[in-house]
Protein backbone atom coordinates (compact mmCIF):
# COMPACT_ATOMS: atom_id res chain seq x y z
CA MET A 1 145.10 -180.84 92.10
CA THR A 2 143.36 -183.29 90.00
CA LEU A 3 140.13 -185.10 91.86
CA LYS A 4 141.92 -188.70 92.39
CA LYS A 5 144.80 -186.59 94.39
CA TYR A 6 142.78 -184.53 96.44
CA LEU A 7 141.29 -187.50 97.20
CA ASN A 8 143.82 -189.76 98.27
CA LEU A 9 145.78 -187.26 99.84
CA MET A 10 142.42 -186.32 101.91
CA THR A 11 142.09 -189.96 102.66
CA ILE A 12 146.01 -190.28 104.01
CA LEU A 13 146.06 -187.27 105.91
CA THR A 14 142.83 -188.56 107.97
CA ILE A 15 143.81 -191.26 108.73
CA ILE A 16 147.62 -190.16 109.66
CA CYS A 17 145.31 -187.42 111.69
CA TRP A 18 142.64 -190.56 113.92
CA LEU A 19 146.39 -191.89 114.22
CA ALA A 20 147.77 -189.10 116.21
CA TRP A 21 144.48 -188.88 117.93
CA VAL A 22 144.66 -192.25 119.27
CA ALA A 23 148.34 -192.23 119.83
CA VAL A 24 148.18 -188.53 122.66
CA ILE A 25 144.84 -190.96 123.80
CA ILE A 26 147.66 -193.67 124.55
CA PHE A 27 150.94 -191.18 125.42
CA ILE A 28 149.62 -187.91 126.58
CA ASN A 29 148.86 -187.45 130.52
CA PRO A 30 146.23 -185.17 130.79
CA ARG A 31 147.19 -183.72 133.98
CA GLY A 32 151.21 -183.98 133.38
CA MET A 33 151.21 -182.40 130.30
CA GLY A 34 148.62 -179.24 131.22
CA LEU A 35 148.14 -176.95 128.39
CA ILE A 36 149.71 -178.65 125.86
CA GLY A 37 148.00 -182.05 126.42
CA PHE A 38 144.58 -181.29 125.60
CA ILE A 39 145.54 -178.18 122.74
CA LEU A 40 147.52 -181.95 120.95
CA PHE A 41 143.72 -183.99 121.31
CA TYR A 42 141.22 -181.47 120.93
CA PHE A 43 143.28 -180.24 117.38
CA SER A 44 143.74 -183.67 115.92
CA LEU A 45 140.22 -184.84 116.90
CA PHE A 46 139.35 -181.66 114.99
CA LEU A 47 141.79 -182.35 112.22
CA ALA A 48 140.55 -186.53 112.11
CA ILE A 49 136.13 -185.58 112.10
CA LEU A 50 137.55 -182.87 109.56
CA GLY A 51 138.92 -185.29 106.96
CA ALA A 52 135.95 -187.86 107.48
CA ALA A 53 133.25 -186.31 107.34
CA SER A 54 135.23 -183.81 104.05
CA LEU A 55 135.20 -187.26 102.70
CA LEU A 56 131.91 -188.74 103.73
CA GLY A 57 130.41 -185.36 102.84
CA PHE A 58 132.26 -185.44 98.91
CA ILE A 59 130.92 -189.44 98.93
CA VAL A 60 127.35 -188.50 99.37
CA ARG A 61 127.09 -186.05 97.82
CA THR A 62 129.64 -187.06 94.25
CA ARG A 63 125.75 -190.02 94.61
CA LEU A 64 123.17 -187.44 95.42
CA ASN A 65 123.90 -184.38 93.61
CA LEU A 66 124.31 -183.23 89.88
CA LYS A 67 126.52 -179.35 90.53
CA PRO A 68 129.73 -179.63 89.64
CA ILE A 69 132.26 -181.91 91.23
CA PHE A 70 134.71 -178.58 92.24
CA VAL A 71 131.18 -176.88 94.50
CA GLN A 72 130.71 -180.58 95.73
CA VAL A 73 134.25 -180.90 97.46
CA GLU A 74 134.44 -176.79 98.39
CA LEU A 75 130.95 -177.35 100.61
CA ALA A 76 131.86 -180.64 102.37
CA PHE A 77 134.87 -179.49 102.67
CA ARG A 78 132.94 -176.23 104.86
CA GLN A 79 130.14 -177.98 106.23
CA GLY A 80 133.39 -181.28 107.65
CA ILE A 81 134.57 -177.69 109.00
CA TRP A 82 131.89 -176.80 110.73
CA LEU A 83 131.10 -180.49 111.45
CA GLY A 84 134.53 -180.70 113.45
CA LEU A 85 133.95 -177.58 115.22
CA VAL A 86 129.98 -178.53 116.73
CA ILE A 87 131.71 -181.41 118.16
CA VAL A 88 135.41 -180.05 119.68
CA SER A 89 133.39 -176.93 121.06
CA MET A 90 130.51 -179.64 122.97
CA LEU A 91 134.18 -182.10 124.68
CA ILE A 92 135.56 -178.63 125.30
CA LEU A 93 132.03 -177.49 126.62
CA LYS A 94 131.67 -181.25 128.64
CA GLY A 95 135.16 -180.69 129.70
CA LEU A 96 134.27 -177.56 132.12
CA ASP A 97 131.43 -178.47 132.24
CA LEU A 98 128.90 -175.97 130.94
CA LEU A 99 127.28 -178.58 128.08
CA ARG A 100 124.04 -177.95 128.81
CA TRP A 101 121.19 -178.45 125.88
CA TRP A 102 120.17 -175.24 124.56
CA ASN A 103 124.13 -174.56 124.60
CA PHE A 104 124.05 -176.95 122.09
CA LEU A 105 121.37 -176.05 120.22
CA PHE A 106 122.96 -172.14 120.08
CA LEU A 107 125.97 -173.68 118.89
CA VAL A 108 124.36 -175.61 115.66
CA LEU A 109 122.10 -172.50 114.64
CA PHE A 110 124.94 -170.51 114.72
CA PHE A 111 126.58 -172.71 112.77
CA VAL A 112 123.71 -173.56 110.19
CA VAL A 113 123.22 -169.44 110.16
CA LEU A 114 126.22 -169.90 108.53
CA GLU A 115 126.02 -172.37 107.29
CA PHE A 116 122.78 -170.81 105.19
CA PHE A 117 125.11 -167.52 104.79
CA PHE A 118 127.41 -169.45 102.67
CA LEU A 119 124.83 -171.01 101.05
CA SER A 120 123.64 -167.77 100.10
CA SER A 121 125.94 -165.49 98.60
CA GLN A 122 128.19 -168.74 96.10
CA ARG A 123 127.40 -168.49 92.62
CA LYS A 124 125.54 -170.71 91.02
CA TYR A 125 126.59 -172.53 88.43
CA LYS A 126 124.55 -174.99 85.51
CA VAL A 127 124.86 -178.10 85.40
């Protein structure tokens, strides 16, 4: 897949995910739908954040970095996953009234350590 096709597809899917999240907010009553309503809400939000963070991260990386494009796409996508998981996890903890500053700190530190693990195990590319 070419970079242009990837970016176009990612943009379209991100817009669809944001629209799906808004539709879940407008049309689904979480108390009436039960667990399915909550799963739809958090999953559509996660996918929307993943797409937006990946696209924004890729744009910022291409402006600031000289690594090959495929490396930048991979990094931006993986970090979009981490950001989406952090935000959704925080919202779930807040919904359960379990979010405290130390939970937030441990959650962020966990994903930072996980990202450092992936960065350290990555192959080095010459520019």
